[in-house]
C-alpha atoms as a PDB file:
ATOM      1  CA  MET A   1      -5.250  15.973  11.708  1.00  0.00           C
ATOM      2  CA  LEU A   2      -6.968  12.643  12.459  1.00  0.00           C
ATOM      3  CA  ARG A   3      -8.544  12.163   9.059  1.00  0.00           C
ATOM      4  CA  SER A   4      -5.201  12.085   7.266  1.00  0.00           C
ATOM      5  CA  SER A   5      -3.293  10.177   9.942  1.00  0.00           C
ATOM      6  CA  SER A   6      -5.400   7.062   9.688  1.00  0.00           C
ATOM      7  CA  ILE A   7      -5.305   3.729   7.923  1.00  0.00           C
ATOM      8  CA  HIS A   8      -8.672   2.058   7.260  1.00  0.00           C
ATOM      9  CA  LEU A   9     -10.677   4.998   8.641  1.00  0.00           C
ATOM     10  CA  VAL A  10     -14.319   5.135   7.618  1.00  0.00           C
ATOM     11  CA  ALA A  11     -14.745   8.751   6.446  1.00  0.00           C
ATOM     12  CA  LEU A  12     -18.451   8.735   7.262  1.00  0.00           C
ATOM     13  CA  PHE A  13     -17.499   9.396  10.879  1.00  0.00           C
ATOM     14  CA  PHE A  14     -15.989  12.780  10.106  1.00  0.00           C
ATOM     15  CA  GLY A  15     -16.923  13.941   6.630  1.00  0.00           C
ATOM     16  CA  LEU A  16     -14.315  15.429   4.316  1.00  0.00           C
ATOM     17  CA  GLN A  17     -12.561  18.764   4.733  1.00  0.00           C
ATOM     18  CA  ASP A  18     -10.252  20.895   2.646  1.00  0.00           C
ATOM     19  CA  GLY A  19      -6.699  19.582   2.951  1.00  0.00           C
ATOM     20  CA  ASP A  20      -7.612  15.954   3.678  1.00  0.00           C
ATOM     21  CA  ILE A  21      -5.945  13.006   1.975  1.00  0.00           C
ATOM     22  CA  ILE A  22      -8.433  10.242   1.331  1.00  0.00           C
ATOM     23  CA  ASN A  23      -7.678   6.717   0.258  1.00  0.00           C
ATOM     24  CA  ILE A  24     -10.211   4.733  -1.705  1.00  0.00           C
ATOM     25  CA  ASP A  25      -9.569   0.997  -1.553  1.00  0.00           C
ATOM     26  CA  VAL A  26     -11.704  -1.029  -3.968  1.00  0.00           C
ATOM     27  CA  THR A  27     -12.051  -4.786  -4.096  1.00  0.00           C
ATOM     28  CA  VAL A  28     -13.596  -6.492  -7.109  1.00  0.00           C
ATOM     29  CA  TYR A  29     -14.837 -10.032  -7.578  1.00  0.00           C
ATOM     30  CA  LEU A  30     -15.251 -11.175 -11.182  1.00  0.00           C
ATOM     31  CA  ASP A  31     -15.649 -14.670 -12.613  1.00  0.00           C
ATOM     32  CA  GLY A  32     -14.539 -16.261  -9.340  1.00  0.00           C
ATOM     33  CA  TYR A  33     -11.427 -14.116  -8.786  1.00  0.00           C
ATOM     34  CA  HIS A  34     -10.643 -11.138  -6.561  1.00  0.00           C
ATOM     35  CA  GLY A  35      -8.749  -7.954  -7.332  1.00  0.00           C
ATOM     36  CA  ASP A  36      -7.660  -5.192  -4.959  1.00  0.00           C
ATOM     37  CA  ASN A  37      -6.728  -1.594  -5.746  1.00  0.00           C
ATOM     38  CA  ALA A  38      -6.223   1.599  -3.717  1.00  0.00           C
ATOM     39  CA  ARG A  39      -5.389   5.172  -4.563  1.00  0.00           C
ATOM     40  CA  ASN A  40      -5.044   8.500  -2.749  1.00  0.00           C
ATOM     41  CA  PHE A  41      -7.071  11.584  -3.581  1.00  0.00           C
ATOM     42  CA  TYR A  42      -6.845  15.152  -2.330  1.00  0.00           C
ATOM     43  CA  VAL A  43      -9.736  17.114  -0.908  1.00  0.00           C
ATOM     44  CA  GLY A  44      -9.245  20.717  -1.934  1.00  0.00           C
ATOM     45  CA  THR A  45      -5.740  22.031  -1.388  1.00  0.00           C
ATOM     46  CA  VAL A  46      -3.337  19.827   0.562  1.00  0.00           C
ATOM     47  CA  SER A  47      -0.062  20.832   2.170  1.00  0.00           C
ATOM     48  CA  PRO A  48       3.203  20.400   0.249  1.00  0.00           C
ATOM     49  CA  GLU A  49       4.197  17.670   2.740  1.00  0.00           C
ATOM     50  CA  ALA A  50       0.942  15.766   2.142  1.00  0.00           C
ATOM     51  CA  LYS A  51       1.451  16.003  -1.612  1.00  0.00           C
ATOM     52  CA  LYS A  52       5.053  14.788  -1.288  1.00  0.00           C
ATOM     53  CA  LEU A  53       3.893  11.841   0.850  1.00  0.00           C
ATOM     54  CA  CYS A  54       1.277  10.778  -1.705  1.00  0.00           C
ATOM     55  CA  GLU A  55       3.664  11.171  -4.642  1.00  0.00           C
ATOM     56  CA  THR A  56       6.384   9.208  -2.822  1.00  0.00           C
ATOM     57  CA  THR A  57       3.925   6.409  -2.029  1.00  0.00           C
ATOM     58  CA  SER A  58       2.959   6.162  -5.697  1.00  0.00           C
ATOM     59  CA  LYS A  59       6.631   6.192  -6.691  1.00  0.00           C
ATOM     60  CA  ALA A  60       7.384   3.374  -4.217  1.00  0.00           C
ATOM     61  CA  LEU A  61       4.550   1.274  -5.648  1.00  0.00           C
ATOM     62  CA  ASP A  62       5.706   1.827  -9.239  1.00  0.00           C
ATOM     63  CA  ALA A  63       9.319   1.015  -8.360  1.00  0.00           C
ATOM     64  CA  ALA A  64       8.292  -2.184  -6.579  1.00  0.00           C
ATOM     65  CA  ILE A  65       6.202  -3.330  -9.540  1.00  0.00           C
ATOM     66  CA  SER A  66       9.075  -2.594 -11.929  1.00  0.00           C
ATOM     67  CA  ILE A  67      11.323  -5.219 -10.286  1.00  0.00           C
ATOM     68  CA  CYS A  68       8.724  -7.996 -10.293  1.00  0.00           C
ATOM     69  CA  LYS A  69       9.398 -11.020 -12.496  1.00  0.00           C
ATOM     70  CA  PRO A  70       9.953 -14.760 -12.050  1.00  0.00           C
ATOM     71  CA  GLY A  71      12.881 -15.602  -9.781  1.00  0.00           C
ATOM     72  CA  VAL A  72      12.955 -12.300  -7.872  1.00  0.00           C
ATOM     73  CA  PRO A  73      12.763 -12.788  -4.082  1.00  0.00           C
ATOM     74  CA  TYR A  74       9.645 -11.265  -2.486  1.00  0.00           C
ATOM     75  CA  LYS A  75      11.882  -9.462   0.013  1.00  0.00           C
ATOM     76  CA  GLU A  76      13.183  -7.222  -2.804  1.00  0.00           C
ATOM     77  CA  ILE A  77       9.810  -5.451  -2.807  1.00  0.00           C
ATOM     78  CA  GLY A  78      10.366  -4.430   0.814  1.00  0.00           C
ATOM     79  CA  LYS A  79      13.886  -3.251   0.131  1.00  0.00           C
ATOM     80  CA  VAL A  80      12.750  -1.042  -2.776  1.00  0.00           C
ATOM     81  CA  THR A  81       9.734   0.496  -1.050  1.00  0.00           C
ATOM     82  CA  GLU A  82      11.527   1.191   2.230  1.00  0.00           C
ATOM     83  CA  THR A  83      14.514   2.740   0.441  1.00  0.00           C
ATOM     84  CA  ILE A  84      12.275   5.180  -1.440  1.00  0.00           C
ATOM     85  CA  ALA A  85      10.328   6.018   1.719  1.00  0.00           C
ATOM     86  CA  LYS A  86      13.481   6.716   3.756  1.00  0.00           C
ATOM     87  CA  GLU A  87      15.152   8.728   0.969  1.00  0.00           C
ATOM     88  CA  ASN A  88      12.148  11.048   1.112  1.00  0.00           C
ATOM     89  CA  GLY A  89      11.926  11.292   4.909  1.00  0.00           C
ATOM     90  CA  PHE A  90       9.059   8.838   5.443  1.00  0.00           C
ATOM     91  CA  SER A  91       8.657   5.450   7.097  1.00  0.00           C
ATOM     92  CA  ILE A  92       6.704   2.301   6.207  1.00  0.00           C
ATOM     93  CA  ALA A  93       3.735   0.989   8.195  1.00  0.00           C
ATOM     94  CA  LYS A  94       4.829  -2.353   9.598  1.00  0.00           C
ATOM     95  CA  GLY A  95       2.367  -5.070  10.495  1.00  0.00           C
ATOM     96  CA  LEU A  96       0.412  -4.472   7.287  1.00  0.00           C
ATOM     97  CA  SER A  97       1.250  -6.190   4.037  1.00  0.00           C
ATOM     98  CA  GLY A  98       0.297  -6.963   0.499  1.00  0.00           C
ATOM     99  CA  HIS A  99      -1.063 -10.435  -0.122  1.00  0.00           C
ATOM    100  CA  GLY A 100      -1.666 -13.122  -2.641  1.00  0.00           C
ATOM    101  CA  VAL A 101      -5.055 -12.738  -4.288  1.00  0.00           C
ATOM    102  CA  GLY A 102      -7.116 -14.991  -6.527  1.00  0.00           C
ATOM    103  CA  LYS A 103     -10.025 -17.293  -5.714  1.00  0.00           C
ATOM    104  CA  ASP A 104      -9.587 -16.140  -2.104  1.00  0.00           C
ATOM    105  CA  PHE A 105      -9.149 -12.504  -1.178  1.00  0.00           C
ATOM    106  CA  HIS A 106      -6.170 -12.982   1.169  1.00  0.00           C
ATOM    107  CA  MET A 107      -3.741 -15.724   0.189  1.00  0.00           C
ATOM    108  CA  GLN A 108      -0.023 -16.412   0.379  1.00  0.00           C
ATOM    109  CA  PRO A 109       2.440 -14.889  -0.134  1.00  0.00           C
ATOM    110  CA  ALA A 110       2.512 -12.031   2.350  1.00  0.00           C
ATOM    111  CA  ILE A 111       4.252  -9.070   0.686  1.00  0.00           C
ATOM    112  CA  LEU A 112       6.165  -6.975   3.224  1.00  0.00           C
ATOM    113  CA  HIS A 113       6.963  -3.387   2.262  1.00  0.00           C
ATOM    114  CA  TYR A 114      10.023  -2.963   4.475  1.00  0.00           C
ATOM    115  CA  THR A 115      13.441  -4.637   4.586  1.00  0.00           C
ATOM    116  CA  ASN A 116      12.891  -8.252   5.648  1.00  0.00           C
ATOM    117  CA  ASN A 117      14.073 -11.829   5.263  1.00  0.00           C
ATOM    118  CA  MET A 118      10.819 -13.293   3.937  1.00  0.00           C
ATOM    119  CA  PRO A 119      11.637 -16.489   2.014  1.00  0.00           C
ATOM    120  CA  GLY A 120      10.361 -17.298  -1.453  1.00  0.00           C
ATOM    121  CA  VAL A 121      10.634 -16.056  -5.005  1.00  0.00           C
ATOM    122  CA  MET A 122       8.098 -14.862  -7.550  1.00  0.00           C
ATOM    123  CA  GLN A 123       6.804 -17.389 -10.069  1.00  0.00           C
ATOM    124  CA  ALA A 124       4.995 -16.905 -13.372  1.00  0.00           C
ATOM    125  CA  GLY A 125       1.237 -17.121 -12.899  1.00  0.00           C
ATOM    126  CA  GLN A 126       1.174 -15.699  -9.357  1.00  0.00           C
ATOM    127  CA  THR A 127      -1.099 -12.797  -8.499  1.00  0.00           C
ATOM    128  CA  PHE A 128      -0.595 -10.606  -5.456  1.00  0.00           C
ATOM    129  CA  THR A 129      -1.015  -7.064  -4.237  1.00  0.00           C
ATOM    130  CA  ILE A 130       1.674  -4.526  -3.580  1.00  0.00           C
ATOM    131  CA  GLU A 131       0.313  -1.838  -1.270  1.00  0.00           C
ATOM    132  CA  PRO A 132       2.891   0.256   0.568  1.00  0.00           C
ATOM    133  CA  ILE A 133       1.573   2.492   3.318  1.00  0.00           C
ATOM    134  CA  LEU A 134       3.944   5.379   3.981  1.00  0.00           C
ATOM    135  CA  LEU A 135       3.904   7.409   7.170  1.00  0.00           C
ATOM    136  CA  GLN A 136       5.073  10.888   8.014  1.00  0.00           C
ATOM    137  CA  GLY A 137       6.864  10.160  11.252  1.00  0.00           C
ATOM    138  CA  ALA A 138       7.145   7.042  13.374  1.00  0.00           C
ATOM    139  CA  ASP A 139       6.459   3.636  11.858  1.00  0.00           C
ATOM    140  CA  VAL A 140       3.948   2.707  14.534  1.00  0.00           C
ATOM    141  CA  ALA A 141       0.183   2.738  14.488  1.00  0.00           C
ATOM    142  CA  LYS A 142      -2.519   1.857  16.962  1.00  0.00           C
ATOM    143  CA  THR A 143      -5.811   0.103  16.284  1.00  0.00           C
ATOM    144  CA  TRP A 144      -9.088   1.438  17.603  1.00  0.00           C
ATOM    145  CA  ASP A 145     -11.563  -0.720  19.496  1.00  0.00           C
ATOM    146  CA  ASP A 146     -13.517  -1.323  16.267  1.00  0.00           C
ATOM    147  CA  GLY A 147     -10.672  -3.677  15.269  1.00  0.00           C
ATOM    148  CA  TRP A 148     -10.302  -1.989  11.879  1.00  0.00           C
ATOM    149  CA  THR A 149      -9.412   1.698  12.129  1.00  0.00           C
ATOM    150  CA  MET A 150      -5.693   2.344  12.575  1.00  0.00           C
ATOM    151  CA  VAL A 151      -4.101   5.707  13.283  1.00  0.00           C
ATOM    152  CA  THR A 152      -0.512   6.820  13.651  1.00  0.00           C
ATOM    153  CA  LYS A 153       0.476   7.255  17.288  1.00  0.00           C
ATOM    154  CA  ASP A 154       2.179  10.577  16.611  1.00  0.00           C
ATOM    155  CA  GLY A 155      -0.544  12.055  14.379  1.00  0.00           C
ATOM    156  CA  GLY A 156       1.640  11.934  11.251  1.00  0.00           C
ATOM    157  CA  LEU A 157       0.047  11.725   7.823  1.00  0.00           C
ATOM    158  CA  THR A 158      -0.405   8.412   5.978  1.00  0.00           C
ATOM    159  CA  ALA A 159      -0.787   7.466   2.321  1.00  0.00           C
ATOM    160  CA  GLN A 160      -1.344   4.154   0.536  1.00  0.00           C
ATOM    161  CA  CYS A 161      -1.327   3.032  -3.090  1.00  0.00           C
ATOM    162  CA  GLU A 162      -2.111  -0.491  -4.254  1.00  0.00           C
ATOM    163  CA  HIS A 163      -2.283  -2.629  -7.367  1.00  0.00           C
ATOM    164  CA  THR A 164      -2.926  -6.289  -8.011  1.00  0.00           C
ATOM    165  CA  ILE A 165      -0.257  -7.701 -10.306  1.00  0.00           C
ATOM    166  CA  LEU A 166       0.233 -10.894 -12.274  1.00  0.00           C
ATOM    167  CA  ILE A 167       3.740 -12.295 -12.615  1.00  0.00           C
ATOM    168  CA  THR A 168       4.222 -13.074 -16.314  1.00  0.00           C
ATOM    169  CA  ASP A 169       6.963 -15.096 -17.994  1.00  0.00           C
ATOM    170  CA  ASP A 170       9.172 -12.016 -18.265  1.00  0.00           C
ATOM    171  CA  GLY A 171       7.851  -9.392 -15.850  1.00  0.00           C
ATOM    172  CA  ALA A 172       4.610  -8.253 -14.279  1.00  0.00           C
ATOM    173  CA  GLU A 173       1.251  -7.060 -15.546  1.00  0.00           C
ATOM    174  CA  ILE A 174      -0.852  -4.625 -13.523  1.00  0.00           C
ATOM    175  CA  LEU A 175      -4.356  -6.107 -13.385  1.00  0.00           C
ATOM    176  CA  THR A 176      -5.988  -3.136 -11.654  1.00  0.00           C
ATOM    177  CA  LYS A 177      -4.724  -0.289 -13.823  1.00  0.00           C
ATOM    178  CA  CYS A 178      -7.456   2.154 -14.838  1.00  0.00           C
END
């Protein structure tokens, strides 16, 4: 099903149908600073596999946030999210990442959601997004000619969850929690 196997798909092209997973990604700009947040929603009744994918994606995000504090290497986020994905039979979309966020929308550091050797450690006062995209099937996607819409090559489902976090003196604060 194309509508649930895409990343960055504009739903206006297809409308919504029973069983779809939709992802709403919201960016805010307030007092000179950006925030970024995404969440999955179900349209009608989704398959058990689609529900498991969405729940696993949320679990991976929560687990990644739970390890964030000053001194932790950024690469630990990738290790945690990929481990949870694989334990549940899913893969991580590579080539897409979380990012620093603040006065600019996309800043350093890049936050990879798969096992990696990215240098650097978290520091108090940093803000960045964690936004794992889990895939049902192969960890490859292709981009349409519009330069934005991405779909899985094998038609597998996708799900994404995202929060903007602030590294505090002793942990992390979710800035985009509703």
